[in-house]
Amino acid sequence: MATKLTPAETVHLVITSSIAIGGQIKRTGDVVEVSEADAQRILERGKARLATADDVPAAAAAEPEGEAKTETDAAPKRQRRK
């Protein structure tokens, strides 16, 4: 059974180039929460940058410990252009 990561063990990133994370495609501008190890690999590949307080949705930043949302809940919804 996988252990649940605590907030200190996760990092918020802003995607700068599309990448698959956890089997889902993340596009430029998406904000994701990943483990420190995954963040290091993604940053080394130049696919993301560290998120600032302005990048992280207020709801995700204000949640009490132990109730963190999943990365898909924290990411803003994107709409397709017509």
PDB file of N, CA and C in Angstrom:
ATOM      1  N   MET A   1       0.842  -1.173   0.000  1.00  0.00           N
ATOM      2  CA  MET A   1       0.000   0.000   0.000  1.00  0.00           C
ATOM      3  C   MET A   1       0.892   1.243   0.000  1.00  0.00           C
ATOM      4  N   ALA A   2       0.559   2.190  -0.880  1.00  0.00           N
ATOM      5  CA  ALA A   2       1.351   3.408  -0.978  1.00  0.00           C
ATOM      6  C   ALA A   2       1.097   4.308   0.226  1.00  0.00           C
ATOM      7  N   THR A   3       2.152   4.950   0.675  1.00  0.00           N
ATOM      8  CA  THR A   3       1.992   5.863   1.799  1.00  0.00           C
ATOM      9  C   THR A   3       1.514   7.208   1.296  1.00  0.00           C
ATOM     10  N   LYS A   4       0.696   7.873   2.095  1.00  0.00           N
ATOM     11  CA  LYS A   4       0.182   9.190   1.723  1.00  0.00           C
ATOM     12  C   LYS A   4       1.249  10.233   2.018  1.00  0.00           C
ATOM     13  N   LEU A   5       1.485  11.109   1.065  1.00  0.00           N
ATOM     14  CA  LEU A   5       2.492  12.142   1.230  1.00  0.00           C
ATOM     15  C   LEU A   5       1.950  13.272   2.093  1.00  0.00           C
ATOM     16  N   THR A   6       2.790  13.792   2.946  1.00  0.00           N
ATOM     17  CA  THR A   6       2.414  14.949   3.741  1.00  0.00           C
ATOM     18  C   THR A   6       2.707  16.200   2.926  1.00  0.00           C
ATOM     19  N   PRO A   7       2.111  17.334   3.279  1.00  0.00           N
ATOM     20  CA  PRO A   7       2.354  18.559   2.516  1.00  0.00           C
ATOM     21  C   PRO A   7       3.837  18.913   2.382  1.00  0.00           C
ATOM     22  N   ALA A   8       4.649  18.575   3.384  1.00  0.00           N
ATOM     23  CA  ALA A   8       6.076  18.883   3.314  1.00  0.00           C
ATOM     24  C   ALA A   8       6.787  18.040   2.256  1.00  0.00           C
ATOM     25  N   GLU A   9       6.176  16.929   1.859  1.00  0.00           N
ATOM     26  CA  GLU A   9       6.794  16.043   0.885  1.00  0.00           C
ATOM     27  C   GLU A   9       6.275  16.269  -0.525  1.00  0.00           C
ATOM     28  N   THR A  10       5.406  17.248  -0.718  1.00  0.00           N
ATOM     29  CA  THR A  10       4.879  17.534  -2.036  1.00  0.00           C
ATOM     30  C   THR A  10       5.268  18.936  -2.467  1.00  0.00           C
ATOM     31  N   VAL A  11       5.236  19.145  -3.774  1.00  0.00           N
ATOM     32  CA  VAL A  11       5.643  20.418  -4.365  1.00  0.00           C
ATOM     33  C   VAL A  11       4.608  20.799  -5.423  1.00  0.00           C
ATOM     34  N   HIS A  12       4.260  22.074  -5.483  1.00  0.00           N
ATOM     35  CA  HIS A  12       3.385  22.578  -6.550  1.00  0.00           C
ATOM     36  C   HIS A  12       4.263  23.068  -7.692  1.00  0.00           C
ATOM     37  N   LEU A  13       3.910  22.668  -8.903  1.00  0.00           N
ATOM     38  CA  LEU A  13       4.626  23.084 -10.105  1.00  0.00           C
ATOM     39  C   LEU A  13       3.655  23.703 -11.097  1.00  0.00           C
ATOM     40  N   VAL A  14       4.156  24.613 -11.922  1.00  0.00           N
ATOM     41  CA  VAL A  14       3.404  25.150 -13.048  1.00  0.00           C
ATOM     42  C   VAL A  14       4.019  24.532 -14.294  1.00  0.00           C
ATOM     43  N   ILE A  15       3.217  23.840 -15.064  1.00  0.00           N
ATOM     44  CA  ILE A  15       3.691  23.150 -16.262  1.00  0.00           C
ATOM     45  C   ILE A  15       4.043  24.191 -17.337  1.00  0.00           C
ATOM     46  N   THR A  16       5.243  24.054 -17.924  1.00  0.00           N
ATOM     47  CA  THR A  16       5.677  24.971 -18.980  1.00  0.00           C
ATOM     48  C   THR A  16       5.699  24.297 -20.349  1.00  0.00           C
ATOM     49  N   SER A  17       5.606  22.974 -20.372  1.00  0.00           N
ATOM     50  CA  SER A  17       5.571  22.207 -21.611  1.00  0.00           C
ATOM     51  C   SER A  17       4.781  20.935 -21.318  1.00  0.00           C
ATOM     52  N   SER A  18       3.843  20.593 -22.179  1.00  0.00           N
ATOM     53  CA  SER A  18       2.954  19.455 -21.929  1.00  0.00           C
ATOM     54  C   SER A  18       3.720  18.205 -21.525  1.00  0.00           C
ATOM     55  N   ILE A  19       3.137  17.472 -20.558  1.00  0.00           N
ATOM     56  CA  ILE A  19       3.782  16.282 -20.016  1.00  0.00           C
ATOM     57  C   ILE A  19       2.696  15.377 -19.438  1.00  0.00           C
ATOM     58  N   ALA A  20       2.959  14.078 -19.427  1.00  0.00           N
ATOM     59  CA  ALA A  20       2.040  13.133 -18.793  1.00  0.00           C
ATOM     60  C   ALA A  20       2.468  12.929 -17.343  1.00  0.00           C
ATOM     61  N   ILE A  21       1.538  13.108 -16.420  1.00  0.00           N
ATOM     62  CA  ILE A  21       1.792  12.891 -14.993  1.00  0.00           C
ATOM     63  C   ILE A  21       0.669  12.005 -14.478  1.00  0.00           C
ATOM     64  N   GLY A  22       1.025  10.873 -13.932  1.00  0.00           N
ATOM     65  CA  GLY A  22       0.022   9.962 -13.393  1.00  0.00           C
ATOM     66  C   GLY A  22      -0.957   9.476 -14.443  1.00  0.00           C
ATOM     67  N   GLY A  23      -0.496   9.351 -15.676  1.00  0.00           N
ATOM     68  CA  GLY A  23      -1.353   8.866 -16.756  1.00  0.00           C
ATOM     69  C   GLY A  23      -2.267   9.923 -17.351  1.00  0.00           C
ATOM     70  N   GLN A  24      -2.137  11.165 -16.914  1.00  0.00           N
ATOM     71  CA  GLN A  24      -2.958  12.246 -17.446  1.00  0.00           C
ATOM     72  C   GLN A  24      -2.065  13.297 -18.094  1.00  0.00           C
ATOM     73  N   ILE A  25      -2.523  13.838 -19.204  1.00  0.00           N
ATOM     74  CA  ILE A  25      -1.781  14.886 -19.895  1.00  0.00           C
ATOM     75  C   ILE A  25      -2.001  16.206 -19.170  1.00  0.00           C
ATOM     76  N   LYS A  26      -0.907  16.860 -18.819  1.00  0.00           N
ATOM     77  CA  LYS A  26      -0.946  18.193 -18.211  1.00  0.00           C
ATOM     78  C   LYS A  26      -0.416  19.170 -19.239  1.00  0.00           C
ATOM     79  N   ARG A  27      -1.135  20.266 -19.422  1.00  0.00           N
ATOM     80  CA  ARG A  27      -0.783  21.247 -20.443  1.00  0.00           C
ATOM     81  C   ARG A  27      -0.132  22.482 -19.823  1.00  0.00           C
ATOM     82  N   THR A  28       0.494  23.270 -20.663  1.00  0.00           N
ATOM     83  CA  THR A  28       1.135  24.509 -20.238  1.00  0.00           C
ATOM     84  C   THR A  28       0.162  25.353 -19.422  1.00  0.00           C
ATOM     85  N   GLY A  29       0.624  25.796 -18.258  1.00  0.00           N
ATOM     86  CA  GLY A  29      -0.193  26.630 -17.386  1.00  0.00           C
ATOM     87  C   GLY A  29      -0.905  25.865 -16.288  1.00  0.00           C
ATOM     88  N   ASP A  30      -1.011  24.536 -16.416  1.00  0.00           N
ATOM     89  CA  ASP A  30      -1.652  23.742 -15.363  1.00  0.00           C
ATOM     90  C   ASP A  30      -0.785  23.770 -14.108  1.00  0.00           C
ATOM     91  N   VAL A  31      -1.423  23.790 -12.947  1.00  0.00           N
ATOM     92  CA  VAL A  31      -0.724  23.708 -11.663  1.00  0.00           C
ATOM     93  C   VAL A  31      -0.947  22.302 -11.122  1.00  0.00           C
ATOM     94  N   VAL A  32       0.145  21.611 -10.794  1.00  0.00           N
ATOM     95  CA  VAL A  32       0.058  20.250 -10.289  1.00  0.00           C
ATOM     96  C   VAL A  32       0.793  20.131  -8.964  1.00  0.00           C
ATOM     97  N   GLU A  33       0.388  19.147  -8.164  1.00  0.00           N
ATOM     98  CA  GLU A  33       1.053  18.850  -6.908  1.00  0.00           C
ATOM     99  C   GLU A  33       1.656  17.465  -7.036  1.00  0.00           C
ATOM    100  N   VAL A  34       2.975  17.369  -6.901  1.00  0.00           N
ATOM    101  CA  VAL A  34       3.688  16.104  -7.070  1.00  0.00           C
ATOM    102  C   VAL A  34       4.661  15.900  -5.918  1.00  0.00           C
ATOM    103  N   SER A  35       5.195  14.685  -5.814  1.00  0.00           N
ATOM    104  CA  SER A  35       6.191  14.406  -4.784  1.00  0.00           C
ATOM    105  C   SER A  35       7.468  15.188  -5.085  1.00  0.00           C
ATOM    106  N   GLU A  36       8.306  15.354  -4.064  1.00  0.00           N
ATOM    107  CA  GLU A  36       9.581  16.063  -4.254  1.00  0.00           C
ATOM    108  C   GLU A  36      10.439  15.368  -5.312  1.00  0.00           C
ATOM    109  N   ALA A  37      10.465  14.030  -5.288  1.00  0.00           N
ATOM    110  CA  ALA A  37      11.281  13.282  -6.253  1.00  0.00           C
ATOM    111  C   ALA A  37      10.775  13.499  -7.676  1.00  0.00           C
ATOM    112  N   ASP A  38       9.447  13.429  -7.875  1.00  0.00           N
ATOM    113  CA  ASP A  38       8.884  13.673  -9.205  1.00  0.00           C
ATOM    114  C   ASP A  38       9.131  15.109  -9.641  1.00  0.00           C
ATOM    115  N   ALA A  39       9.000  16.051  -8.704  1.00  0.00           N
ATOM    116  CA  ALA A  39       9.232  17.462  -9.024  1.00  0.00           C
ATOM    117  C   ALA A  39      10.658  17.675  -9.516  1.00  0.00           C
ATOM    118  N   GLN A  40      11.620  17.039  -8.844  1.00  0.00           N
ATOM    119  CA  GLN A  40      13.011  17.197  -9.248  1.00  0.00           C
ATOM    120  C   GLN A  40      13.222  16.701 -10.674  1.00  0.00           C
ATOM    121  N   ARG A  41      12.645  15.542 -10.999  1.00  0.00           N
ATOM    122  CA  ARG A  41      12.800  14.993 -12.361  1.00  0.00           C
ATOM    123  C   ARG A  41      12.138  15.887 -13.399  1.00  0.00           C
ATOM    124  N   ILE A  42      10.940  16.387 -13.092  1.00  0.00           N
ATOM    125  CA  ILE A  42      10.214  17.244 -14.033  1.00  0.00           C
ATOM    126  C   ILE A  42      10.955  18.562 -14.239  1.00  0.00           C
ATOM    127  N   LEU A  43      11.471  19.145 -13.158  1.00  0.00           N
ATOM    128  CA  LEU A  43      12.222  20.398 -13.253  1.00  0.00           C
ATOM    129  C   LEU A  43      13.515  20.208 -14.043  1.00  0.00           C
ATOM    130  N   GLU A  44      14.220  19.099 -13.821  1.00  0.00           N
ATOM    131  CA  GLU A  44      15.464  18.832 -14.542  1.00  0.00           C
ATOM    132  C   GLU A  44      15.225  18.702 -16.039  1.00  0.00           C
ATOM    133  N   ARG A  45      14.058  18.205 -16.421  1.00  0.00           N
ATOM    134  CA  ARG A  45      13.713  18.050 -17.839  1.00  0.00           C
ATOM    135  C   ARG A  45      13.208  19.347 -18.455  1.00  0.00           C
ATOM    136  N   GLY A  46      13.040  20.379 -17.633  1.00  0.00           N
ATOM    137  CA  GLY A  46      12.597  21.675 -18.148  1.00  0.00           C
ATOM    138  C   GLY A  46      11.126  21.712 -18.513  1.00  0.00           C
ATOM    139  N   LYS A  47      10.327  20.830 -17.916  1.00  0.00           N
ATOM    140  CA  LYS A  47       8.907  20.749 -18.238  1.00  0.00           C
ATOM    141  C   LYS A  47       8.027  21.599 -17.332  1.00  0.00           C
ATOM    142  N   ALA A  48       8.609  22.165 -16.263  1.00  0.00           N
ATOM    143  CA  ALA A  48       7.819  22.948 -15.316  1.00  0.00           C
ATOM    144  C   ALA A  48       8.722  23.906 -14.564  1.00  0.00           C
ATOM    145  N   ARG A  49       8.071  24.802 -13.804  1.00  0.00           N
ATOM    146  CA  ARG A  49       8.779  25.686 -12.888  1.00  0.00           C
ATOM    147  C   ARG A  49       8.075  25.593 -11.551  1.00  0.00           C
ATOM    148  N   LEU A  50       8.768  25.992 -10.490  1.00  0.00           N
ATOM    149  CA  LEU A  50       8.153  25.990  -9.169  1.00  0.00           C
ATOM    150  C   LEU A  50       7.005  26.997  -9.133  1.00  0.00           C
ATOM    151  N   ALA A  51       5.914  26.609  -8.522  1.00  0.00           N
ATOM    152  CA  ALA A  51       4.761  27.496  -8.413  1.00  0.00           C
ATOM    153  C   ALA A  51       4.991  28.498  -7.284  1.00  0.00           C
ATOM    154  N   THR A  52       4.469  29.692  -7.470  1.00  0.00           N
ATOM    155  CA  THR A  52       4.499  30.706  -6.412  1.00  0.00           C
ATOM    156  C   THR A  52       3.139  30.701  -5.713  1.00  0.00           C
ATOM    157  N   ALA A  53       3.011  31.483  -4.661  1.00  0.00           N
ATOM    158  CA  ALA A  53       1.735  31.569  -3.947  1.00  0.00           C
ATOM    159  C   ALA A  53       0.631  32.069  -4.876  1.00  0.00           C
ATOM    160  N   ASP A  54       0.986  32.907  -5.847  1.00  0.00           N
ATOM    161  CA  ASP A  54      -0.008  33.426  -6.793  1.00  0.00           C
ATOM    162  C   ASP A  54      -0.492  32.357  -7.759  1.00  0.00           C
ATOM    163  N   ASP A  55       0.341  31.338  -8.027  1.00  0.00           N
ATOM    164  CA  ASP A  55      -0.013  30.281  -8.965  1.00  0.00           C
ATOM    165  C   ASP A  55      -0.937  29.237  -8.358  1.00  0.00           C
ATOM    166  N   VAL A  56      -0.776  28.978  -7.059  1.00  0.00           N
ATOM    167  CA  VAL A  56      -1.532  27.916  -6.393  1.00  0.00           C
ATOM    168  C   VAL A  56      -2.923  28.431  -6.067  1.00  0.00           C
ATOM    169  N   PRO A  57      -3.969  27.702  -6.469  1.00  0.00           N
ATOM    170  CA  PRO A  57      -5.339  28.143  -6.148  1.00  0.00           C
ATOM    171  C   PRO A  57      -5.510  28.331  -4.645  1.00  0.00           C
ATOM    172  N   ALA A  58      -6.242  29.348  -4.254  1.00  0.00           N
ATOM    173  CA  ALA A  58      -6.412  29.684  -2.841  1.00  0.00           C
ATOM    174  C   ALA A  58      -7.001  28.529  -2.044  1.00  0.00           C
ATOM    175  N   ALA A  59      -7.920  27.773  -2.611  1.00  0.00           N
ATOM    176  CA  ALA A  59      -8.555  26.667  -1.898  1.00  0.00           C
ATOM    177  C   ALA A  59      -7.527  25.598  -1.542  1.00  0.00           C
ATOM    178  N   ALA A  60      -6.591  25.309  -2.431  1.00  0.00           N
ATOM    179  CA  ALA A  60      -5.589  24.277  -2.166  1.00  0.00           C
ATOM    180  C   ALA A  60      -4.593  24.759  -1.117  1.00  0.00           C
ATOM    181  N   ALA A  61      -4.257  26.026  -1.138  1.00  0.00           N
ATOM    182  CA  ALA A  61      -3.275  26.567  -0.202  1.00  0.00           C
ATOM    183  C   ALA A  61      -3.854  26.706   1.207  1.00  0.00           C
ATOM    184  N   ALA A  62      -5.171  26.887   1.322  1.00  0.00           N
ATOM    185  CA  ALA A  62      -5.790  27.135   2.619  1.00  0.00           C
ATOM    186  C   ALA A  62      -6.308  25.874   3.300  1.00  0.00           C
ATOM    187  N   GLU A  63      -6.199  24.715   2.653  1.00  0.00           N
ATOM    188  CA  GLU A  63      -6.723  23.482   3.238  1.00  0.00           C
ATOM    189  C   GLU A  63      -5.913  23.029   4.432  1.00  0.00           C
ATOM    190  N   PRO A  64      -6.582  22.503   5.441  1.00  0.00           N
ATOM    191  CA  PRO A  64      -5.846  21.960   6.581  1.00  0.00           C
ATOM    192  C   PRO A  64      -5.090  20.702   6.187  1.00  0.00           C
ATOM    193  N   GLU A  65      -4.050  20.381   6.951  1.00  0.00           N
ATOM    194  CA  GLU A  65      -3.252  19.199   6.648  1.00  0.00           C
ATOM    195  C   GLU A  65      -4.116  17.958   6.672  1.00  0.00           C
ATOM    196  N   GLY A  66      -3.772  17.001   5.801  1.00  0.00           N
ATOM    197  CA  GLY A  66      -4.489  15.746   5.752  1.00  0.00           C
ATOM    198  C   GLY A  66      -5.709  15.773   4.852  1.00  0.00           C
ATOM    199  N   GLU A  67      -6.060  16.939   4.331  1.00  0.00           N
ATOM    200  CA  GLU A  67      -7.212  17.043   3.453  1.00  0.00           C
ATOM    201  C   GLU A  67      -6.826  17.650   2.119  1.00  0.00           C
ATOM    202  N   ALA A  68      -5.611  17.395   1.670  1.00  0.00           N
ATOM    203  CA  ALA A  68      -5.141  17.969   0.412  1.00  0.00           C
ATOM    204  C   ALA A  68      -5.925  17.391  -0.758  1.00  0.00           C
ATOM    205  N   LYS A  69      -6.205  18.231  -1.712  1.00  0.00           N
ATOM    206  CA  LYS A  69      -6.902  17.782  -2.905  1.00  0.00           C
ATOM    207  C   LYS A  69      -5.922  17.073  -3.831  1.00  0.00           C
ATOM    208  N   THR A  70      -6.472  16.331  -4.761  1.00  0.00           N
ATOM    209  CA  THR A  70      -5.621  15.685  -5.755  1.00  0.00           C
ATOM    210  C   THR A  70      -5.151  16.726  -6.745  1.00  0.00           C
ATOM    211  N   GLU A  71      -4.140  16.377  -7.516  1.00  0.00           N
ATOM    212  CA  GLU A  71      -3.602  17.345  -8.467  1.00  0.00           C
ATOM    213  C   GLU A  71      -4.634  17.782  -9.485  1.00  0.00           C
ATOM    214  N   THR A  72      -5.582  16.912  -9.866  1.00  0.00           N
ATOM    215  CA  THR A  72      -6.584  17.302 -10.842  1.00  0.00           C
ATOM    216  C   THR A  72      -7.604  18.249 -10.243  1.00  0.00           C
ATOM    217  N   ASP A  73      -7.899  18.126  -8.929  1.00  0.00           N
ATOM    218  CA  ASP A  73      -8.821  19.040  -8.279  1.00  0.00           C
ATOM    219  C   ASP A  73      -8.207  20.427  -8.155  1.00  0.00           C
ATOM    220  N   ALA A  74      -6.900  20.494  -7.946  1.00  0.00           N
ATOM    221  CA  ALA A  74      -6.232  21.771  -7.743  1.00  0.00           C
ATOM    222  C   ALA A  74      -5.998  22.514  -9.052  1.00  0.00           C
ATOM    223  N   ALA A  75      -5.936  21.786 -10.158  1.00  0.00           N
ATOM    224  CA  ALA A  75      -5.641  22.407 -11.447  1.00  0.00           C
ATOM    225  C   ALA A  75      -6.879  23.128 -11.986  1.00  0.00           C
ATOM    226  N   PRO A  76      -6.697  24.327 -12.538  1.00  0.00           N
ATOM    227  CA  PRO A  76      -7.834  25.037 -13.110  1.00  0.00           C
ATOM    228  C   PRO A  76      -8.341  24.317 -14.357  1.00  0.00           C
ATOM    229  N   LYS A  77      -9.636  24.401 -14.591  1.00  0.00           N
ATOM    230  CA  LYS A  77     -10.217  23.763 -15.768  1.00  0.00           C
ATOM    231  C   LYS A  77      -9.863  24.580 -17.008  1.00  0.00           C
ATOM    232  N   ARG A  78      -9.496  23.889 -18.064  1.00  0.00           N
ATOM    233  CA  ARG A  78      -9.156  24.565 -19.315  1.00  0.00           C
ATOM    234  C   ARG A  78     -10.286  24.332 -20.309  1.00  0.00           C
ATOM    235  N   GLN A  79     -10.571  25.343 -21.100  1.00  0.00           N
ATOM    236  CA  GLN A  79     -11.608  25.217 -22.105  1.00  0.00           C
ATOM    237  C   GLN A  79     -10.964  25.200 -23.467  1.00  0.00           C
ATOM    238  N   ARG A  80     -11.554  24.430 -24.357  1.00  0.00           N
ATOM    239  CA  ARG A  80     -11.043  24.373 -25.725  1.00  0.00           C
ATOM    240  C   ARG A  80     -11.518  25.580 -26.519  1.00  0.00           C
ATOM    241  N   ARG A  81     -10.662  25.995 -27.414  1.00  0.00           N
ATOM    242  CA  ARG A  81     -11.061  27.083 -28.326  1.00  0.00           C
ATOM    243  C   ARG A  81     -11.885  26.487 -29.449  1.00  0.00           C
ATOM    244  N   LYS A  82     -12.811  27.279 -29.919  1.00  0.00           N
ATOM    245  CA  LYS A  82     -13.648  26.811 -31.034  1.00  0.00           C
ATOM    246  C   LYS A  82     -13.111  27.267 -32.344  1.00  0.00           C
TER     247      LYS A  82
END
